[in-house]
Amino acid sequence: MPKFRKGLSGNPKGRPKGSKNLTTLIMEAARDQVSVEIDGKPRKISALQATVAQLASKAARGDQKAMVQFLESNRRSRRPG
């Protein structure tokens, strides 16, 4: 007799269909629109764009940790592949 019957899941109470993994949730949050003021004008940009802009601003002000993170992110984004 086989361990599992044909057509039945080995984990019937497993992850429900349609539930989202962490990567999906992060990408959805990154695409959310946020209101920011740029050059005195209100604009809507993605949360990811706002985060990168804030990191770049901190790095430009001399925050060593932000500099390393910003430069490393820039290096990784330029890597072919």
C-alpha atoms as a PDB file:
ATOM      1  CA  MET A   1       0.000   0.000   0.000  1.00  0.00           C
ATOM      2  CA  PRO A   2       1.454   3.411  -0.995  1.00  0.00           C
ATOM      3  CA  LYS A   3       2.268   5.931   1.700  1.00  0.00           C
ATOM      4  CA  PHE A   4       0.046   8.615   0.124  1.00  0.00           C
ATOM      5  CA  ARG A   5      -3.178   8.033  -1.735  1.00  0.00           C
ATOM      6  CA  LYS A   6      -3.271   9.323  -5.292  1.00  0.00           C
ATOM      7  CA  GLY A   7      -4.692  12.825  -5.602  1.00  0.00           C
ATOM      8  CA  LEU A   8      -4.370  13.709  -1.914  1.00  0.00           C
ATOM      9  CA  SER A   9      -1.805  16.119  -0.552  1.00  0.00           C
ATOM     10  CA  GLY A  10       0.717  14.916   1.991  1.00  0.00           C
ATOM     11  CA  ASN A  11       0.018  18.135   3.888  1.00  0.00           C
ATOM     12  CA  PRO A  12      -3.689  18.917   3.491  1.00  0.00           C
ATOM     13  CA  LYS A  13      -3.564  21.844   5.941  1.00  0.00           C
ATOM     14  CA  GLY A  14      -0.475  23.384   4.305  1.00  0.00           C
ATOM     15  CA  ARG A  15      -0.103  26.874   2.921  1.00  0.00           C
ATOM     16  CA  PRO A  16      -3.448  28.061   1.526  1.00  0.00           C
ATOM     17  CA  LYS A  17      -3.689  28.788  -2.193  1.00  0.00           C
ATOM     18  CA  GLY A  18      -3.206  32.457  -2.961  1.00  0.00           C
ATOM     19  CA  SER A  19      -1.248  33.233   0.196  1.00  0.00           C
ATOM     20  CA  LYS A  20       1.786  35.416  -0.492  1.00  0.00           C
ATOM     21  CA  ASN A  21       5.387  34.818   0.423  1.00  0.00           C
ATOM     22  CA  LEU A  22       7.666  37.443   1.952  1.00  0.00           C
ATOM     23  CA  THR A  23       9.249  38.432  -1.374  1.00  0.00           C
ATOM     24  CA  THR A  24       5.830  39.115  -2.906  1.00  0.00           C
ATOM     25  CA  LEU A  25       4.751  41.197   0.099  1.00  0.00           C
ATOM     26  CA  ILE A  26       7.969  43.242  -0.005  1.00  0.00           C
ATOM     27  CA  MET A  27       7.655  43.891  -3.747  1.00  0.00           C
ATOM     28  CA  GLU A  28       4.020  44.978  -3.349  1.00  0.00           C
ATOM     29  CA  ALA A  29       5.000  47.377  -0.550  1.00  0.00           C
ATOM     30  CA  ALA A  30       7.892  48.729  -2.661  1.00  0.00           C
ATOM     31  CA  ARG A  31       5.473  49.554  -5.493  1.00  0.00           C
ATOM     32  CA  ASP A  32       3.024  51.411  -3.224  1.00  0.00           C
ATOM     33  CA  GLN A  33       2.780  55.110  -4.015  1.00  0.00           C
ATOM     34  CA  VAL A  34       3.783  57.674  -1.380  1.00  0.00           C
ATOM     35  CA  SER A  35       3.471  61.462  -1.409  1.00  0.00           C
ATOM     36  CA  VAL A  36       6.727  63.403  -1.148  1.00  0.00           C
ATOM     37  CA  GLU A  37       7.800  66.977  -1.694  1.00  0.00           C
ATOM     38  CA  ILE A  38      10.534  67.421  -4.309  1.00  0.00           C
ATOM     39  CA  ASP A  39      11.826  70.927  -5.026  1.00  0.00           C
ATOM     40  CA  GLY A  40       8.854  72.308  -3.102  1.00  0.00           C
ATOM     41  CA  LYS A  41       6.319  70.443  -5.241  1.00  0.00           C
ATOM     42  CA  PRO A  42       4.229  67.490  -4.054  1.00  0.00           C
ATOM     43  CA  ARG A  43       4.773  64.316  -6.094  1.00  0.00           C
ATOM     44  CA  LYS A  44       3.749  60.689  -5.878  1.00  0.00           C
ATOM     45  CA  ILE A  45       6.551  58.176  -6.241  1.00  0.00           C
ATOM     46  CA  SER A  46       6.976  54.525  -5.304  1.00  0.00           C
ATOM     47  CA  ALA A  47       8.038  53.644  -1.786  1.00  0.00           C
ATOM     48  CA  LEU A  48      11.161  52.084  -3.298  1.00  0.00           C
ATOM     49  CA  GLN A  49      12.075  55.342  -5.079  1.00  0.00           C
ATOM     50  CA  ALA A  50      11.513  57.286  -1.847  1.00  0.00           C
ATOM     51  CA  THR A  51      13.702  54.853   0.086  1.00  0.00           C
ATOM     52  CA  VAL A  52      16.548  55.057  -2.436  1.00  0.00           C
ATOM     53  CA  ALA A  53      16.314  58.864  -2.505  1.00  0.00           C
ATOM     54  CA  GLN A  54      16.479  59.012   1.284  1.00  0.00           C
ATOM     55  CA  LEU A  55      19.460  56.629   1.373  1.00  0.00           C
ATOM     56  CA  ALA A  56      21.270  58.727  -1.249  1.00  0.00           C
ATOM     57  CA  SER A  57      20.527  61.881   0.725  1.00  0.00           C
ATOM     58  CA  LYS A  58      21.920  60.383   3.943  1.00  0.00           C
ATOM     59  CA  ALA A  59      25.021  59.200   2.092  1.00  0.00           C
ATOM     60  CA  ALA A  60      25.528  62.670   0.600  1.00  0.00           C
ATOM     61  CA  ARG A  61      25.324  64.204   4.098  1.00  0.00           C
ATOM     62  CA  GLY A  62      28.213  61.998   5.232  1.00  0.00           C
ATOM     63  CA  ASP A  63      26.452  59.066   6.941  1.00  0.00           C
ATOM     64  CA  GLN A  64      29.142  56.353   6.636  1.00  0.00           C
ATOM     65  CA  LYS A  65      26.710  53.429   6.975  1.00  0.00           C
ATOM     66  CA  ALA A  66      24.415  54.915   4.311  1.00  0.00           C
ATOM     67  CA  MET A  67      27.413  55.503   2.010  1.00  0.00           C
ATOM     68  CA  VAL A  68      28.469  51.859   2.200  1.00  0.00           C
ATOM     69  CA  GLN A  69      24.917  50.619   1.693  1.00  0.00           C
ATOM     70  CA  PHE A  70      24.253  53.011  -1.188  1.00  0.00           C
ATOM     71  CA  LEU A  71      27.496  52.227  -2.996  1.00  0.00           C
ATOM     72  CA  GLU A  72      27.045  48.476  -2.492  1.00  0.00           C
ATOM     73  CA  SER A  73      23.484  48.636  -3.816  1.00  0.00           C
ATOM     74  CA  ASN A  74      24.696  50.637  -6.818  1.00  0.00           C
ATOM     75  CA  ARG A  75      27.474  48.110  -7.486  1.00  0.00           C
ATOM     76  CA  ARG A  76      25.064  45.164  -7.296  1.00  0.00           C
ATOM     77  CA  SER A  77      22.545  46.830  -9.604  1.00  0.00           C
ATOM     78  CA  ARG A  78      25.214  47.319 -12.272  1.00  0.00           C
ATOM     79  CA  ARG A  79      26.433  43.702 -12.162  1.00  0.00           C
ATOM     80  CA  PRO A  80      25.652  41.932 -15.452  1.00  0.00           C
ATOM     81  CA  GLY A  81      23.540  38.848 -15.284  1.00  0.00           C
END
